[in-house]
Amino acid sequence: MLTKRIAVVPANGTWVVRAGGAVIGESERALELVLTETSSLIFFPREDVGMAFLEPSTHVAQTEGIGQASYFGIVTRSTTIKNAAWSYPEPSEGAMKLAGHIAFDSERVTVEQV
Protein backbone atom coordinates (compact mmCIF):
# COMPACT_ATOMS: atom_id res chain seq x y z
CA MET A 1 0.00 0.00 0.00
CA LEU A 2 1.22 3.49 -0.77
CA THR A 3 1.98 6.02 1.87
CA LYS A 4 -0.37 8.98 2.11
CA ARG A 5 2.34 11.38 0.94
CA ILE A 6 3.83 10.63 -2.47
CA ALA A 7 7.61 11.00 -2.50
CA VAL A 8 9.33 11.20 -5.90
CA VAL A 9 13.06 11.85 -5.65
CA PRO A 10 16.06 11.57 -7.99
CA ALA A 11 17.47 8.02 -7.99
CA ASN A 12 21.18 8.09 -7.24
CA GLY A 13 23.61 6.75 -9.82
CA THR A 14 23.03 4.94 -13.09
CA TRP A 15 20.11 2.52 -13.47
CA VAL A 16 19.53 -0.14 -16.13
CA VAL A 17 16.60 -2.33 -17.10
CA ARG A 18 17.19 -5.65 -18.89
CA ALA A 19 14.73 -8.06 -20.44
CA GLY A 20 15.37 -11.15 -22.54
CA GLY A 21 19.13 -10.61 -22.30
CA ALA A 22 19.00 -7.09 -23.76
CA VAL A 23 19.48 -3.72 -22.08
CA ILE A 24 16.31 -1.83 -22.91
CA GLY A 25 16.97 1.23 -20.78
CA GLU A 26 19.80 3.02 -19.01
CA SER A 27 19.60 6.30 -17.18
CA GLU A 28 21.43 8.65 -14.87
CA ARG A 29 18.20 10.68 -14.64
CA ALA A 30 15.90 8.02 -13.16
CA LEU A 31 13.39 8.89 -10.46
CA GLU A 32 12.57 6.89 -7.35
CA LEU A 33 8.97 6.62 -6.16
CA VAL A 34 9.19 5.88 -2.44
CA LEU A 35 6.37 3.49 -1.53
CA THR A 36 7.25 2.60 2.07
CA GLU A 37 10.31 2.85 4.30
CA THR A 38 11.69 -0.34 2.70
CA SER A 39 10.15 -0.28 -0.77
CA SER A 40 10.57 1.95 -3.79
CA LEU A 41 10.14 1.86 -7.54
CA ILE A 42 12.47 3.25 -10.22
CA PHE A 43 11.05 5.27 -13.12
CA PHE A 44 13.11 5.82 -16.28
CA PRO A 45 12.70 8.86 -18.54
CA ARG A 46 11.16 7.73 -21.85
CA GLU A 47 14.14 9.24 -23.68
CA ASP A 48 16.42 6.74 -21.88
CA VAL A 49 14.34 3.67 -22.82
CA GLY A 50 14.41 1.80 -26.12
CA MET A 51 10.74 2.40 -26.87
CA ALA A 52 10.97 -0.05 -29.82
CA PHE A 53 11.03 -2.82 -27.15
CA LEU A 54 7.70 -1.64 -25.71
CA GLU A 55 4.32 -2.51 -27.15
CA PRO A 56 1.29 -0.57 -25.84
CA SER A 57 -1.26 -2.71 -23.99
CA THR A 58 -4.97 -2.18 -23.50
CA HIS A 59 -4.49 -2.81 -19.75
CA VAL A 60 -4.90 0.17 -17.42
CA ALA A 61 -5.00 0.41 -13.64
CA GLN A 62 -5.73 3.11 -11.11
CA THR A 63 -3.12 3.76 -8.41
CA GLU A 64 -4.28 5.67 -5.37
CA GLY A 65 -2.53 9.00 -5.06
CA ILE A 66 -0.79 8.73 -8.45
CA GLY A 67 -3.38 8.27 -11.20
CA GLN A 68 -4.22 5.93 -14.04
CA ALA A 69 -1.39 3.77 -15.33
CA SER A 70 -1.09 2.73 -18.98
CA TYR A 71 0.76 -0.55 -19.52
CA PHE A 72 3.21 -1.93 -22.08
CA GLY A 73 4.40 -5.37 -23.03
CA ILE A 74 8.14 -5.83 -23.43
CA VAL A 75 9.09 -7.51 -26.71
CA THR A 76 12.09 -9.84 -26.46
CA ARG A 77 13.59 -12.26 -28.99
CA SER A 78 11.52 -15.17 -27.72
CA THR A 79 8.37 -13.68 -26.21
CA THR A 80 6.42 -10.61 -25.18
CA ILE A 81 6.34 -10.04 -21.43
CA LYS A 82 2.79 -8.76 -21.03
CA ASN A 83 2.08 -5.68 -18.94
CA ALA A 84 5.63 -5.55 -17.55
CA ALA A 85 6.05 -1.77 -17.86
CA TRP A 86 3.77 1.17 -17.14
CA SER A 87 3.58 4.91 -17.05
CA TYR A 88 1.25 7.60 -15.77
CA PRO A 89 0.33 9.84 -18.73
CA GLU A 90 -1.54 12.24 -16.42
CA PRO A 91 -0.25 11.73 -12.87
CA SER A 92 -1.86 13.43 -9.89
CA GLU A 93 -0.51 16.76 -8.70
CA GLY A 94 1.65 15.12 -6.02
CA ALA A 95 3.25 12.76 -8.57
CA MET A 96 3.71 15.16 -11.52
CA LYS A 97 7.44 14.38 -11.70
CA LEU A 98 6.49 10.88 -13.01
CA ALA A 99 5.05 12.30 -16.23
CA GLY A 100 7.17 11.11 -19.16
CA HIS A 101 8.68 8.25 -17.15
CA ILE A 102 8.23 4.46 -17.26
CA ALA A 103 8.50 1.85 -14.48
CA PHE A 104 9.20 -1.86 -14.94
CA ASP A 105 8.04 -4.96 -13.08
CA SER A 106 11.24 -5.98 -11.29
CA GLU A 107 9.84 -9.48 -10.67
CA ARG A 108 9.82 -10.17 -14.43
CA VAL A 109 12.71 -8.03 -15.70
CA THR A 110 15.96 -6.86 -14.12
CA VAL A 111 16.08 -3.32 -12.78
CA GLU A 112 19.34 -2.49 -11.07
CA GLN A 113 21.77 0.23 -10.17
CA VAL A 114 25.16 -0.16 -11.90
C-alpha atoms as a PDB file:
ATOM      1  CA  MET A   1       0.000   0.000   0.000  1.00  0.00           C
ATOM      2  CA  LEU A   2       1.221   3.494  -0.774  1.00  0.00           C
ATOM      3  CA  THR A   3       1.980   6.018   1.872  1.00  0.00           C
ATOM      4  CA  LYS A   4      -0.373   8.982   2.107  1.00  0.00           C
ATOM      5  CA  ARG A   5       2.340  11.379   0.941  1.00  0.00           C
ATOM      6  CA  ILE A   6       3.830  10.631  -2.467  1.00  0.00           C
ATOM      7  CA  ALA A   7       7.609  10.996  -2.499  1.00  0.00           C
ATOM      8  CA  VAL A   8       9.325  11.197  -5.896  1.00  0.00           C
ATOM      9  CA  VAL A   9      13.056  11.853  -5.654  1.00  0.00           C
ATOM     10  CA  PRO A  10      16.062  11.573  -7.987  1.00  0.00           C
ATOM     11  CA  ALA A  11      17.473   8.023  -7.990  1.00  0.00           C
ATOM     12  CA  ASN A  12      21.179   8.092  -7.236  1.00  0.00           C
ATOM     13  CA  GLY A  13      23.614   6.751  -9.820  1.00  0.00           C
ATOM     14  CA  THR A  14      23.030   4.943 -13.094  1.00  0.00           C
ATOM     15  CA  TRP A  15      20.111   2.521 -13.474  1.00  0.00           C
ATOM     16  CA  VAL A  16      19.527  -0.136 -16.128  1.00  0.00           C
ATOM     17  CA  VAL A  17      16.601  -2.334 -17.095  1.00  0.00           C
ATOM     18  CA  ARG A  18      17.194  -5.648 -18.894  1.00  0.00           C
ATOM     19  CA  ALA A  19      14.727  -8.060 -20.442  1.00  0.00           C
ATOM     20  CA  GLY A  20      15.375 -11.152 -22.536  1.00  0.00           C
ATOM     21  CA  GLY A  21      19.127 -10.611 -22.299  1.00  0.00           C
ATOM     22  CA  ALA A  22      18.998  -7.093 -23.760  1.00  0.00           C
ATOM     23  CA  VAL A  23      19.479  -3.723 -22.085  1.00  0.00           C
ATOM     24  CA  ILE A  24      16.307  -1.831 -22.910  1.00  0.00           C
ATOM     25  CA  GLY A  25      16.972   1.226 -20.780  1.00  0.00           C
ATOM     26  CA  GLU A  26      19.801   3.016 -19.009  1.00  0.00           C
ATOM     27  CA  SER A  27      19.596   6.305 -17.183  1.00  0.00           C
ATOM     28  CA  GLU A  28      21.429   8.650 -14.875  1.00  0.00           C
ATOM     29  CA  ARG A  29      18.197  10.676 -14.641  1.00  0.00           C
ATOM     30  CA  ALA A  30      15.898   8.017 -13.160  1.00  0.00           C
ATOM     31  CA  LEU A  31      13.395   8.890 -10.459  1.00  0.00           C
ATOM     32  CA  GLU A  32      12.567   6.893  -7.349  1.00  0.00           C
ATOM     33  CA  LEU A  33       8.966   6.621  -6.158  1.00  0.00           C
ATOM     34  CA  VAL A  34       9.192   5.884  -2.440  1.00  0.00           C
ATOM     35  CA  LEU A  35       6.368   3.492  -1.534  1.00  0.00           C
ATOM     36  CA  THR A  36       7.254   2.601   2.071  1.00  0.00           C
ATOM     37  CA  GLU A  37      10.311   2.847   4.304  1.00  0.00           C
ATOM     38  CA  THR A  38      11.691  -0.336   2.704  1.00  0.00           C
ATOM     39  CA  SER A  39      10.153  -0.284  -0.770  1.00  0.00           C
ATOM     40  CA  SER A  40      10.573   1.946  -3.788  1.00  0.00           C
ATOM     41  CA  LEU A  41      10.143   1.863  -7.538  1.00  0.00           C
ATOM     42  CA  ILE A  42      12.472   3.250 -10.215  1.00  0.00           C
ATOM     43  CA  PHE A  43      11.047   5.267 -13.122  1.00  0.00           C
ATOM     44  CA  PHE A  44      13.113   5.818 -16.278  1.00  0.00           C
ATOM     45  CA  PRO A  45      12.700   8.860 -18.537  1.00  0.00           C
ATOM     46  CA  ARG A  46      11.161   7.726 -21.848  1.00  0.00           C
ATOM     47  CA  GLU A  47      14.143   9.239 -23.681  1.00  0.00           C
ATOM     48  CA  ASP A  48      16.415   6.744 -21.882  1.00  0.00           C
ATOM     49  CA  VAL A  49      14.344   3.667 -22.818  1.00  0.00           C
ATOM     50  CA  GLY A  50      14.415   1.803 -26.125  1.00  0.00           C
ATOM     51  CA  MET A  51      10.744   2.401 -26.872  1.00  0.00           C
ATOM     52  CA  ALA A  52      10.970  -0.049 -29.816  1.00  0.00           C
ATOM     53  CA  PHE A  53      11.031  -2.816 -27.154  1.00  0.00           C
ATOM     54  CA  LEU A  54       7.700  -1.641 -25.714  1.00  0.00           C
ATOM     55  CA  GLU A  55       4.319  -2.515 -27.151  1.00  0.00           C
ATOM     56  CA  PRO A  56       1.290  -0.572 -25.837  1.00  0.00           C
ATOM     57  CA  SER A  57      -1.256  -2.708 -23.992  1.00  0.00           C
ATOM     58  CA  THR A  58      -4.970  -2.178 -23.499  1.00  0.00           C
ATOM     59  CA  HIS A  59      -4.493  -2.805 -19.752  1.00  0.00           C
ATOM     60  CA  VAL A  60      -4.900   0.175 -17.423  1.00  0.00           C
ATOM     61  CA  ALA A  61      -5.002   0.408 -13.637  1.00  0.00           C
ATOM     62  CA  GLN A  62      -5.728   3.109 -11.113  1.00  0.00           C
ATOM     63  CA  THR A  63      -3.119   3.756  -8.413  1.00  0.00           C
ATOM     64  CA  GLU A  64      -4.284   5.667  -5.371  1.00  0.00           C
ATOM     65  CA  GLY A  65      -2.530   9.002  -5.061  1.00  0.00           C
ATOM     66  CA  ILE A  66      -0.791   8.730  -8.449  1.00  0.00           C
ATOM     67  CA  GLY A  67      -3.377   8.273 -11.197  1.00  0.00           C
ATOM     68  CA  GLN A  68      -4.225   5.927 -14.042  1.00  0.00           C
ATOM     69  CA  ALA A  69      -1.389   3.766 -15.331  1.00  0.00           C
ATOM     70  CA  SER A  70      -1.090   2.733 -18.976  1.00  0.00           C
ATOM     71  CA  TYR A  71       0.756  -0.546 -19.521  1.00  0.00           C
ATOM     72  CA  PHE A  72       3.212  -1.928 -22.079  1.00  0.00           C
ATOM     73  CA  GLY A  73       4.402  -5.367 -23.030  1.00  0.00           C
ATOM     74  CA  ILE A  74       8.143  -5.833 -23.433  1.00  0.00           C
ATOM     75  CA  VAL A  75       9.087  -7.510 -26.712  1.00  0.00           C
ATOM     76  CA  THR A  76      12.090  -9.840 -26.464  1.00  0.00           C
ATOM     77  CA  ARG A  77      13.592 -12.259 -28.988  1.00  0.00           C
ATOM     78  CA  SER A  78      11.519 -15.171 -27.723  1.00  0.00           C
ATOM     79  CA  THR A  79       8.373 -13.678 -26.211  1.00  0.00           C
ATOM     80  CA  THR A  80       6.419 -10.612 -25.180  1.00  0.00           C
ATOM     81  CA  ILE A  81       6.335 -10.040 -21.431  1.00  0.00           C
ATOM     82  CA  LYS A  82       2.786  -8.760 -21.035  1.00  0.00           C
ATOM     83  CA  ASN A  83       2.081  -5.676 -18.942  1.00  0.00           C
ATOM     84  CA  ALA A  84       5.630  -5.550 -17.551  1.00  0.00           C
ATOM     85  CA  ALA A  85       6.049  -1.765 -17.859  1.00  0.00           C
ATOM     86  CA  TRP A  86       3.775   1.166 -17.140  1.00  0.00           C
ATOM     87  CA  SER A  87       3.577   4.910 -17.055  1.00  0.00           C
ATOM     88  CA  TYR A  88       1.247   7.597 -15.775  1.00  0.00           C
ATOM     89  CA  PRO A  89       0.330   9.842 -18.727  1.00  0.00           C
ATOM     90  CA  GLU A  90      -1.538  12.240 -16.420  1.00  0.00           C
ATOM     91  CA  PRO A  91      -0.254  11.730 -12.868  1.00  0.00           C
ATOM     92  CA  SER A  92      -1.861  13.426  -9.888  1.00  0.00           C
ATOM     93  CA  GLU A  93      -0.513  16.762  -8.698  1.00  0.00           C
ATOM     94  CA  GLY A  94       1.652  15.118  -6.025  1.00  0.00           C
ATOM     95  CA  ALA A  95       3.250  12.763  -8.567  1.00  0.00           C
ATOM     96  CA  MET A  96       3.708  15.159 -11.517  1.00  0.00           C
ATOM     97  CA  LYS A  97       7.440  14.379 -11.701  1.00  0.00           C
ATOM     98  CA  LEU A  98       6.494  10.885 -13.009  1.00  0.00           C
ATOM     99  CA  ALA A  99       5.045  12.302 -16.235  1.00  0.00           C
ATOM    100  CA  GLY A 100       7.165  11.113 -19.161  1.00  0.00           C
ATOM    101  CA  HIS A 101       8.683   8.249 -17.148  1.00  0.00           C
ATOM    102  CA  ILE A 102       8.233   4.455 -17.260  1.00  0.00           C
ATOM    103  CA  ALA A 103       8.500   1.851 -14.483  1.00  0.00           C
ATOM    104  CA  PHE A 104       9.203  -1.856 -14.942  1.00  0.00           C
ATOM    105  CA  ASP A 105       8.039  -4.964 -13.084  1.00  0.00           C
ATOM    106  CA  SER A 106      11.239  -5.977 -11.292  1.00  0.00           C
ATOM    107  CA  GLU A 107       9.843  -9.475 -10.669  1.00  0.00           C
ATOM    108  CA  ARG A 108       9.817 -10.169 -14.429  1.00  0.00           C
ATOM    109  CA  VAL A 109      12.707  -8.034 -15.704  1.00  0.00           C
ATOM    110  CA  THR A 110      15.963  -6.863 -14.124  1.00  0.00           C
ATOM    111  CA  VAL A 111      16.084  -3.315 -12.785  1.00  0.00           C
ATOM    112  CA  GLU A 112      19.342  -2.489 -11.068  1.00  0.00           C
ATOM    113  CA  GLN A 113      21.774   0.233 -10.174  1.00  0.00           C
ATOM    114  CA  VAL A 114      25.156  -0.157 -11.901  1.00  0.00           C
END
